[in-house]
């Protein structure tokens, strides 16, 4: 009887693992089918939604005009009363 209980205790976890393995395999197959469908539709190539559409071009500032930019409170290098001010801007977006 003791041998039967030990054998039963050793075999049951294996049976449970096989059931879990089958569930995992089924889930993997469903995921692979969804992924194949996504790639077939063209959405699996790293493309963002609407990537096929061209963005409208941003209007460029008129180079013939002079634009006033306030530098109040900003770091200034050199003479604050200079006739020409060069402004360097960065956009890390």
PDB file of N, CA and C in Angstrom:
ATOM      1  N   UNK A   1       0.820  -1.191   0.000  1.00  0.00           N
ATOM      2  CA  UNK A   1       0.000   0.000   0.000  1.00  0.00           C
ATOM      3  C   UNK A   1       0.868   1.260   0.000  1.00  0.00           C
ATOM      4  N   UNK A   2       1.945   1.225   0.791  1.00  0.00           N
ATOM      5  CA  UNK A   2       2.850   2.363   0.859  1.00  0.00           C
ATOM      6  C   UNK A   2       3.480   2.637  -0.517  1.00  0.00           C
ATOM      7  N   UNK A   3       3.854   1.545  -1.206  1.00  0.00           N
ATOM      8  CA  UNK A   3       4.462   1.686  -2.536  1.00  0.00           C
ATOM      9  C   UNK A   3       3.461   2.301  -3.505  1.00  0.00           C
ATOM     10  N   UNK A   4       2.192   1.917  -3.404  1.00  0.00           N
ATOM     11  CA  UNK A   4       1.158   2.458  -4.273  1.00  0.00           C
ATOM     12  C   UNK A   4       0.984   3.956  -4.035  1.00  0.00           C
ATOM     13  N   UNK A   5       0.969   4.368  -2.796  1.00  0.00           N
ATOM     14  CA  UNK A   5       0.814   5.782  -2.456  1.00  0.00           C
ATOM     15  C   UNK A   5       2.008   6.585  -2.972  1.00  0.00           C
ATOM     16  N   UNK A   6       3.218   6.041  -2.816  1.00  0.00           N
ATOM     17  CA  UNK A   6       4.402   6.727  -3.312  1.00  0.00           C
ATOM     18  C   UNK A   6       4.382   6.826  -4.828  1.00  0.00           C
ATOM     19  N   UNK A   7       3.984   5.752  -5.500  1.00  0.00           N
ATOM     20  CA  UNK A   7       3.895   5.754  -6.956  1.00  0.00           C
ATOM     21  C   UNK A   7       2.846   6.764  -7.412  1.00  0.00           C
ATOM     22  N   UNK A   8       1.707   6.785  -6.739  1.00  0.00           N
ATOM     23  CA  UNK A   8       0.638   7.716  -7.062  1.00  0.00           C
ATOM     24  C   UNK A   8       1.114   9.164  -6.866  1.00  0.00           C
ATOM     25  N   UNK A   9       1.823   9.399  -5.773  1.00  0.00           N
ATOM     26  CA  UNK A   9       2.336  10.741  -5.479  1.00  0.00           C
ATOM     27  C   UNK A   9       3.370  11.177  -6.495  1.00  0.00           C
ATOM     28  N   UNK A  10       4.110  10.245  -7.077  1.00  0.00           N
ATOM     29  CA  UNK A  10       5.126  10.586  -8.066  1.00  0.00           C
ATOM     30  C   UNK A  10       4.514  10.802  -9.449  1.00  0.00           C
ATOM     31  N   UNK A  11       3.443  10.086  -9.773  1.00  0.00           N
ATOM     32  CA  UNK A  11       2.857  10.148 -11.114  1.00  0.00           C
ATOM     33  C   UNK A  11       1.889  11.322 -11.264  1.00  0.00           C
ATOM     34  N   UNK A  12       1.171  11.690 -10.240  1.00  0.00           N
ATOM     35  CA  UNK A  12       0.168  12.751 -10.326  1.00  0.00           C
ATOM     36  C   UNK A  12       0.746  14.098 -10.761  1.00  0.00           C
ATOM     37  N   UNK A  13       1.864  14.550 -10.195  1.00  0.00           N
ATOM     38  CA  UNK A  13       2.396  15.833 -10.672  1.00  0.00           C
ATOM     39  C   UNK A  13       2.777  15.790 -12.155  1.00  0.00           C
ATOM     40  N   UNK A  14       3.237  14.668 -12.632  1.00  0.00           N
ATOM     41  CA  UNK A  14       3.579  14.557 -14.052  1.00  0.00           C
ATOM     42  C   UNK A  14       2.337  14.694 -14.912  1.00  0.00           C
ATOM     43  N   UNK A  15       1.248  14.083 -14.491  1.00  0.00           N
ATOM     44  CA  UNK A  15      -0.003  14.187 -15.237  1.00  0.00           C
ATOM     45  C   UNK A  15      -0.499  15.633 -15.237  1.00  0.00           C
ATOM     46  N   UNK A  16      -0.375  16.302 -14.111  1.00  0.00           N
ATOM     47  CA  UNK A  16      -0.801  17.705 -14.032  1.00  0.00           C
ATOM     48  C   UNK A  16       0.072  18.579 -14.917  1.00  0.00           C
ATOM     49  N   UNK A  17       1.360  18.297 -14.973  1.00  0.00           N
ATOM     50  CA  UNK A  17       2.277  19.070 -15.825  1.00  0.00           C
ATOM     51  C   UNK A  17       1.930  18.884 -17.292  1.00  0.00           C
ATOM     52  N   UNK A  18       1.534  17.653 -17.666  1.00  0.00           N
ATOM     53  CA  UNK A  18       1.177  17.410 -19.055  1.00  0.00           C
ATOM     54  C   UNK A  18      -0.068  18.206 -19.435  1.00  0.00           C
ATOM     55  N   UNK A  19      -1.022  18.285 -18.535  1.00  0.00           N
ATOM     56  CA  UNK A  19      -2.228  19.073 -18.814  1.00  0.00           C
ATOM     57  C   UNK A  19      -1.873  20.546 -18.950  1.00  0.00           C
ATOM     58  N   UNK A  20      -1.020  21.043 -18.063  1.00  0.00           N
ATOM     59  CA  UNK A  20      -0.578  22.438 -18.158  1.00  0.00           C
ATOM     60  C   UNK A  20       0.184  22.674 -19.451  1.00  0.00           C
ATOM     61  N   UNK A  21       1.017  21.723 -19.842  1.00  0.00           N
ATOM     62  CA  UNK A  21       1.792  21.849 -21.073  1.00  0.00           C
ATOM     63  C   UNK A  21       0.860  21.927 -22.280  1.00  0.00           C
ATOM     64  N   UNK A  22      -0.196  21.127 -22.274  1.00  0.00           N
ATOM     65  CA  UNK A  22      -1.143  21.144 -23.386  1.00  0.00           C
ATOM     66  C   UNK A  22      -1.851  22.497 -23.445  1.00  0.00           C
ATOM     67  N   UNK A  23      -2.236  23.034 -22.296  1.00  0.00           N
ATOM     68  CA  UNK A  23      -2.882  24.350 -22.266  1.00  0.00           C
ATOM     69  C   UNK A  23      -1.939  25.425 -22.801  1.00  0.00           C
ATOM     70  N   UNK A  24      -0.686  25.355 -22.405  1.00  0.00           N
ATOM     71  CA  UNK A  24       0.296  26.332 -22.894  1.00  0.00           C
ATOM     72  C   UNK A  24       0.492  26.203 -24.392  1.00  0.00           C
ATOM     73  N   UNK A  25       0.572  24.967 -24.880  1.00  0.00           N
ATOM     74  CA  UNK A  25       0.735  24.759 -26.320  1.00  0.00           C
ATOM     75  C   UNK A  25      -0.466  25.307 -27.089  1.00  0.00           C
ATOM     76  N   UNK A  26      -1.672  25.097 -26.566  1.00  0.00           N
ATOM     77  CA  UNK A  26      -2.871  25.626 -27.222  1.00  0.00           C
ATOM     78  C   UNK A  26      -2.857  27.147 -27.266  1.00  0.00           C
ATOM     79  N   UNK A  27      -2.451  27.760 -26.164  1.00  0.00           N
ATOM     80  CA  UNK A  27      -2.379  29.227 -26.115  1.00  0.00           C
ATOM     81  C   UNK A  27      -1.321  29.759 -27.081  1.00  0.00           C
ATOM     82  N   UNK A  28      -0.186  29.071 -27.142  1.00  0.00           N
ATOM     83  CA  UNK A  28       0.872  29.492 -28.066  1.00  0.00           C
ATOM     84  C   UNK A  28       0.404  29.411 -29.519  1.00  0.00           C
ATOM     85  N   UNK A  29      -0.331  28.365 -29.852  1.00  0.00           N
ATOM     86  CA  UNK A  29      -0.852  28.225 -31.213  1.00  0.00           C
ATOM     87  C   UNK A  29      -1.818  29.360 -31.550  1.00  0.00           C
ATOM     88  N   UNK A  30      -2.700  29.729 -30.587  1.00  0.00           N
ATOM     89  CA  UNK A  30      -3.622  30.836 -30.829  1.00  0.00           C
ATOM     90  C   UNK A  30      -2.869  32.150 -31.014  1.00  0.00           C
ATOM     91  N   UNK A  31      -1.840  32.365 -30.209  1.00  0.00           N
ATOM     92  CA  UNK A  31      -1.048  33.592 -30.323  1.00  0.00           C
ATOM     93  C   UNK A  31      -0.326  33.632 -31.667  1.00  0.00           C
ATOM     94  N   UNK A  32       0.220  32.491 -32.096  1.00  0.00           N
ATOM     95  CA  UNK A  32       0.912  32.443 -33.379  1.00  0.00           C
ATOM     96  C   UNK A  32      -0.045  32.731 -34.535  1.00  0.00           C
ATOM     97  N   UNK A  33      -1.270  32.227 -34.460  1.00  0.00           N
ATOM     98  CA  UNK A  33      -2.254  32.495 -35.511  1.00  0.00           C
ATOM     99  C   UNK A  33      -2.595  33.983 -35.562  1.00  0.00           C
ATOM    100  N   UNK A  34      -2.775  34.596 -34.388  1.00  0.00           N
ATOM    101  CA  UNK A  34      -3.064  36.031 -34.348  1.00  0.00           C
ATOM    102  C   UNK A  34      -1.905  36.835 -34.900  1.00  0.00           C
ATOM    103  N   UNK A  35      -0.685  36.430 -34.554  1.00  0.00           N
ATOM    104  CA  UNK A  35       0.497  37.128 -35.036  1.00  0.00           C
ATOM    105  C   UNK A  35       0.631  36.992 -36.548  1.00  0.00           C
ATOM    106  N   UNK A  36       0.376  35.789 -37.077  1.00  0.00           N
ATOM    107  CA  UNK A  36       0.431  35.588 -38.528  1.00  0.00           C
ATOM    108  C   UNK A  36      -0.605  36.455 -39.234  1.00  0.00           C
ATOM    109  N   UNK A  37      -1.811  36.555 -38.661  1.00  0.00           N
ATOM    110  CA  UNK A  37      -2.851  37.398 -39.256  1.00  0.00           C
ATOM    111  C   UNK A  37      -2.448  38.869 -39.211  1.00  0.00           C
ATOM    112  N   UNK A  38      -1.822  39.276 -38.137  1.00  0.00           N
ATOM    113  CA  UNK A  38      -1.376  40.666 -38.015  1.00  0.00           C
ATOM    114  C   UNK A  38      -0.297  40.985 -39.045  1.00  0.00           C
ATOM    115  N   UNK A  39       0.648  40.081 -39.216  1.00  0.00           N
ATOM    116  CA  UNK A  39       1.713  40.286 -40.199  1.00  0.00           C
ATOM    117  C   UNK A  39       1.139  40.293 -41.609  1.00  0.00           C
ATOM    118  N   UNK A  40       0.190  39.402 -41.884  1.00  0.00           N
ATOM    119  CA  UNK A  40      -0.418  39.342 -43.209  1.00  0.00           C
ATOM    120  C   UNK A  40      -1.171  40.623 -43.542  1.00  0.00           C
ATOM    121  N   UNK A  41      -1.725  41.287 -42.528  1.00  0.00           N
ATOM    122  CA  UNK A  41      -2.459  42.528 -42.776  1.00  0.00           C
ATOM    123  C   UNK A  41      -1.534  43.739 -42.894  1.00  0.00           C
ATOM    124  N   UNK A  42      -0.238  43.527 -42.693  1.00  0.00           N
ATOM    125  CA  UNK A  42       0.716  44.620 -42.825  1.00  0.00           C
ATOM    126  C   UNK A  42       0.979  45.357 -41.534  1.00  0.00           C
ATOM    127  N   UNK A  43       0.384  44.939 -40.448  1.00  0.00           N
ATOM    128  CA  UNK A  43       0.547  45.640 -39.181  1.00  0.00           C
ATOM    129  C   UNK A  43       1.696  45.124 -38.347  1.00  0.00           C
ATOM    130  N   UNK A  44       2.419  44.134 -38.804  1.00  0.00           N
ATOM    131  CA  UNK A  44       3.465  43.551 -37.983  1.00  0.00           C
ATOM    132  C   UNK A  44       4.859  44.000 -38.351  1.00  0.00           C
ATOM    133  N   UNK A  45       4.981  45.034 -39.122  1.00  0.00           N
ATOM    134  CA  UNK A  45       6.300  45.480 -39.552  1.00  0.00           C
ATOM    135  C   UNK A  45       6.760  46.724 -38.809  1.00  0.00           C
ATOM    136  N   UNK A  46       6.268  46.907 -37.605  1.00  0.00           N
ATOM    137  CA  UNK A  46       6.680  48.054 -36.795  1.00  0.00           C
ATOM    138  C   UNK A  46       6.000  49.335 -37.223  1.00  0.00           C
ATOM    139  N   UNK A  47       4.987  49.231 -38.066  1.00  0.00           N
ATOM    140  CA  UNK A  47       4.319  50.417 -38.564  1.00  0.00           C
ATOM    141  C   UNK A  47       3.312  50.922 -37.534  1.00  0.00           C
ATOM    142  N   UNK A  48       3.293  52.213 -37.374  1.00  0.00           N
ATOM    143  CA  UNK A  48       2.319  52.824 -36.477  1.00  0.00           C
ATOM    144  C   UNK A  48       0.998  52.963 -37.217  1.00  0.00           C
ATOM    145  N   UNK A  49      -0.104  53.076 -36.493  1.00  0.00           N
ATOM    146  CA  UNK A  49      -1.382  53.278 -37.171  1.00  0.00           C
ATOM    147  C   UNK A  49      -1.337  54.532 -38.027  1.00  0.00           C
ATOM    148  N   UNK A  50      -1.778  54.419 -39.263  1.00  0.00           N
ATOM    149  CA  UNK A  50      -1.768  55.562 -40.171  1.00  0.00           C
ATOM    150  C   UNK A  50      -0.408  55.852 -40.766  1.00  0.00           C
ATOM    151  N   UNK A  51       0.536  54.903 -40.661  1.00  0.00           N
ATOM    152  CA  UNK A  51       1.885  55.154 -41.159  1.00  0.00           C
ATOM    153  C   UNK A  51       1.921  55.255 -42.676  1.00  0.00           C
ATOM    154  N   UNK A  52       0.934  54.684 -43.351  1.00  0.00           N
ATOM    155  CA  UNK A  52       0.891  54.752 -44.801  1.00  0.00           C
ATOM    156  C   UNK A  52       0.513  56.139 -45.288  1.00  0.00           C
ATOM    157  N   UNK A  53      -0.117  56.934 -44.437  1.00  0.00           N
ATOM    158  CA  UNK A  53      -0.533  58.278 -44.819  1.00  0.00           C
ATOM    159  C   UNK A  53       0.620  59.247 -44.611  1.00  0.00           C
ATOM    160  N   UNK A  54       0.743  60.184 -45.538  1.00  0.00           N
ATOM    161  CA  UNK A  54       1.802  61.182 -45.413  1.00  0.00           C
ATOM    162  C   UNK A  54       1.327  62.319 -44.519  1.00  0.00           C
ATOM    163  N   UNK A  55       2.202  62.740 -43.616  1.00  0.00           N
ATOM    164  CA  UNK A  55       1.881  63.856 -42.734  1.00  0.00           C
ATOM    165  C   UNK A  55       1.859  65.153 -43.521  1.00  0.00           C
ATOM    166  N   UNK A  56       0.968  66.056 -43.144  1.00  0.00           N
ATOM    167  CA  UNK A  56       1.014  67.369 -43.799  1.00  0.00           C
ATOM    168  C   UNK A  56       2.295  68.090 -43.393  1.00  0.00           C
ATOM    169  N   UNK A  57       2.877  68.779 -44.353  1.00  0.00           N
ATOM    170  CA  UNK A  57       4.136  69.465 -44.089  1.00  0.00           C
ATOM    171  C   UNK A  57       3.895  70.687 -43.208  1.00  0.00           C
ATOM    172  N   UNK A  58       4.790  70.882 -42.247  1.00  0.00           N
ATOM    173  CA  UNK A  58       4.676  72.038 -41.356  1.00  0.00           C
ATOM    174  C   UNK A  58       5.011  73.312 -42.127  1.00  0.00           C
ATOM    175  N   UNK A  59       4.285  74.368 -41.834  1.00  0.00           N
ATOM    176  CA  UNK A  59       4.635  75.631 -42.501  1.00  0.00           C
ATOM    177  C   UNK A  59       5.979  76.136 -41.970  1.00  0.00           C
ATOM    178  N   UNK A  60       6.809  76.584 -42.874  1.00  0.00           N
ATOM    179  CA  UNK A  60       8.124  77.096 -42.491  1.00  0.00           C
ATOM    180  C   UNK A  60       8.027  78.604 -42.265  1.00  0.00           C
ATOM    181  N   UNK A  61       8.758  79.114 -41.281  1.00  0.00           N
ATOM    182  CA  UNK A  61       8.717  80.570 -41.064  1.00  0.00           C
ATOM    183  C   UNK A  61       9.229  81.325 -42.295  1.00  0.00           C
ATOM    184  N   UNK A  62       8.679  82.499 -42.494  1.00  0.00           N
ATOM    185  CA  UNK A  62       9.099  83.339 -43.625  1.00  0.00           C
ATOM    186  C   UNK A  62      10.500  83.862 -43.339  1.00  0.00           C
ATOM    187  N   UNK A  63      11.441  83.487 -44.169  1.00  0.00           N
ATOM    188  CA  UNK A  63      12.841  83.892 -43.957  1.00  0.00           C
ATOM    189  C   UNK A  63      13.079  85.375 -44.261  1.00  0.00           C
ATOM    190  N   UNK A  64      12.141  86.012 -44.909  1.00  0.00           N
ATOM    191  CA  UNK A  64      12.283  87.433 -45.231  1.00  0.00           C
ATOM    192  C   UNK A  64      11.882  88.321 -44.051  1.00  0.00           C
ATOM    193  N   UNK A  65      11.224  87.742 -43.066  1.00  0.00           N
ATOM    194  CA  UNK A  65      10.759  88.527 -41.921  1.00  0.00           C
ATOM    195  C   UNK A  65      11.747  88.423 -40.768  1.00  0.00           C
ATOM    196  N   UNK A  66      11.636  89.367 -39.843  1.00  0.00           N
ATOM    197  CA  UNK A  66      12.396  89.343 -38.605  1.00  0.00           C
ATOM    198  C   UNK A  66      11.424  89.042 -37.479  1.00  0.00           C
ATOM    199  N   UNK A  67      11.783  88.095 -36.671  1.00  0.00           N
ATOM    200  CA  UNK A  67      10.905  87.681 -35.578  1.00  0.00           C
ATOM    201  C   UNK A  67      11.511  88.111 -34.250  1.00  0.00           C
ATOM    202  N   UNK A  68      10.672  88.612 -33.365  1.00  0.00           N
ATOM    203  CA  UNK A  68      11.115  89.014 -32.033  1.00  0.00           C
ATOM    204  C   UNK A  68      10.921  87.840 -31.078  1.00  0.00           C
ATOM    205  N   UNK A  69      11.976  87.519 -30.338  1.00  0.00           N
ATOM    206  CA  UNK A  69      11.922  86.444 -29.354  1.00  0.00           C
ATOM    207  C   UNK A  69      12.390  87.012 -28.027  1.00  0.00           C
ATOM    208  N   UNK A  70      11.552  86.866 -27.016  1.00  0.00           N
ATOM    209  CA  UNK A  70      11.897  87.401 -25.705  1.00  0.00           C
ATOM    210  C   UNK A  70      12.959  86.515 -25.042  1.00  0.00           C
ATOM    211  N   UNK A  71      13.975  87.153 -24.477  1.00  0.00           N
ATOM    212  CA  UNK A  71      15.018  86.419 -23.759  1.00  0.00           C
ATOM    213  C   UNK A  71      15.039  86.823 -22.284  1.00  0.00           C
ATOM    214  N   UNK A  72      13.955  87.421 -21.826  1.00  0.00           N
ATOM    215  CA  UNK A  72      13.856  87.848 -20.435  1.00  0.00           C
ATOM    216  C   UNK A  72      13.981  86.638 -19.513  1.00  0.00           C
ATOM    217  N   UNK A  73      14.887  86.687 -18.578  1.00  0.00           N
ATOM    218  CA  UNK A  73      15.059  85.632 -17.594  1.00  0.00           C
ATOM    219  C   UNK A  73      15.841  84.426 -18.093  1.00  0.00           C
ATOM    220  N   UNK A  74      16.243  84.423 -19.354  1.00  0.00           N
ATOM    221  CA  UNK A  74      17.019  83.305 -19.886  1.00  0.00           C
ATOM    222  C   UNK A  74      18.503  83.550 -19.666  1.00  0.00           C
ATOM    223  N   UNK A  75      19.269  82.477 -19.711  1.00  0.00           N
ATOM    224  CA  UNK A  75      20.718  82.612 -19.592  1.00  0.00           C
ATOM    225  C   UNK A  75      21.256  83.356 -20.808  1.00  0.00           C
ATOM    226  N   UNK A  76      22.105  84.323 -20.551  1.00  0.00           N
ATOM    227  CA  UNK A  76      22.674  85.122 -21.638  1.00  0.00           C
ATOM    228  C   UNK A  76      24.184  85.055 -21.530  1.00  0.00           C
ATOM    229  N   UNK A  77      24.790  84.861 -22.675  1.00  0.00           N
ATOM    230  CA  UNK A  77      26.247  84.834 -22.740  1.00  0.00           C
ATOM    231  C   UNK A  77      26.679  86.064 -23.530  1.00  0.00           C
ATOM    232  N   UNK A  78      27.459  86.918 -22.949  1.00  0.00           N
ATOM    233  CA  UNK A  78      27.899  88.133 -23.646  1.00  0.00           C
ATOM    234  C   UNK A  78      27.103  89.339 -23.192  1.00  0.00           C
ATOM    235  N   UNK A  79      27.146  90.400 -23.993  1.00  0.00           N
ATOM    236  CA  UNK A  79      26.523  91.677 -23.675  1.00  0.00           C
ATOM    237  C   UNK A  79      25.006  91.577 -23.862  1.00  0.00           C
ATOM    238  N   UNK A  80      24.262  91.844 -22.823  1.00  0.00           N
ATOM    239  CA  UNK A  80      22.803  91.763 -22.893  1.00  0.00           C
ATOM    240  C   UNK A  80      22.220  92.861 -23.768  1.00  0.00           C
ATOM    241  N   UNK A  81      22.975  93.954 -24.013  1.00  0.00           N
ATOM    242  CA  UNK A  81      22.482  95.060 -24.825  1.00  0.00           C
ATOM    243  C   UNK A  81      23.026  95.002 -26.252  1.00  0.00           C
ATOM    244  N   UNK A  82      23.475  93.856 -26.698  1.00  0.00           N
ATOM    245  CA  UNK A  82      24.048  93.730 -28.052  1.00  0.00           C
ATOM    246  C   UNK A  82      22.969  93.993 -29.098  1.00  0.00           C
ATOM    247  N   UNK A  83      23.394  94.487 -30.276  1.00  0.00           N
ATOM    248  CA  UNK A  83      22.455  94.797 -31.346  1.00  0.00           C
ATOM    249  C   UNK A  83      21.908  93.536 -32.007  1.00  0.00           C
ATOM    250  N   UNK A  84      22.657  92.446 -31.944  1.00  0.00           N
ATOM    251  CA  UNK A  84      22.222  91.176 -32.547  1.00  0.00           C
ATOM    252  C   UNK A  84      22.226  90.108 -31.463  1.00  0.00           C
ATOM    253  N   UNK A  85      21.165  89.337 -31.402  1.00  0.00           N
ATOM    254  CA  UNK A  85      21.075  88.238 -30.439  1.00  0.00           C
ATOM    255  C   UNK A  85      20.847  86.945 -31.218  1.00  0.00           C
ATOM    256  N   UNK A  86      21.718  85.997 -31.004  1.00  0.00           N
ATOM    257  CA  UNK A  86      21.543  84.684 -31.612  1.00  0.00           C
ATOM    258  C   UNK A  86      20.879  83.779 -30.588  1.00  0.00           C
ATOM    259  N   UNK A  87      19.836  83.118 -31.011  1.00  0.00           N
ATOM    260  CA  UNK A  87      19.114  82.238 -30.116  1.00  0.00           C
ATOM    261  C   UNK A  87      19.255  80.810 -30.640  1.00  0.00           C
ATOM    262  N   UNK A  88      19.703  79.960 -29.746  1.00  0.00           N
ATOM    263  CA  UNK A  88      19.867  78.559 -30.099  1.00  0.00           C
ATOM    264  C   UNK A  88      18.797  77.780 -29.349  1.00  0.00           C
ATOM    265  N   UNK A  89      17.980  77.044 -30.088  1.00  0.00           N
ATOM    266  CA  UNK A  89      16.889  76.307 -29.459  1.00  0.00           C
ATOM    267  C   UNK A  89      17.020  74.826 -29.759  1.00  0.00           C
ATOM    268  N   UNK A  90      16.605  74.018 -28.809  1.00  0.00           N
ATOM    269  CA  UNK A  90      16.634  72.567 -28.962  1.00  0.00           C
ATOM    270  C   UNK A  90      15.251  72.014 -28.645  1.00  0.00           C
ATOM    271  N   UNK A  91      14.873  71.045 -29.401  1.00  0.00           N
ATOM    272  CA  UNK A  91      13.604  70.362 -29.161  1.00  0.00           C
ATOM    273  C   UNK A  91      13.885  68.877 -29.118  1.00  0.00           C
ATOM    274  N   UNK A  92      13.767  68.283 -27.956  1.00  0.00           N
ATOM    275  CA  UNK A  92      14.077  66.854 -27.792  1.00  0.00           C
ATOM    276  C   UNK A  92      12.819  66.007 -27.860  1.00  0.00           C
ATOM    277  N   UNK A  93      11.797  66.454 -28.526  1.00  0.00           N
ATOM    278  CA  UNK A  93      10.542  65.690 -28.599  1.00  0.00           C
ATOM    279  C   UNK A  93      10.677  64.517 -29.530  1.00  0.00           C
TER     280      UNK A  93
END
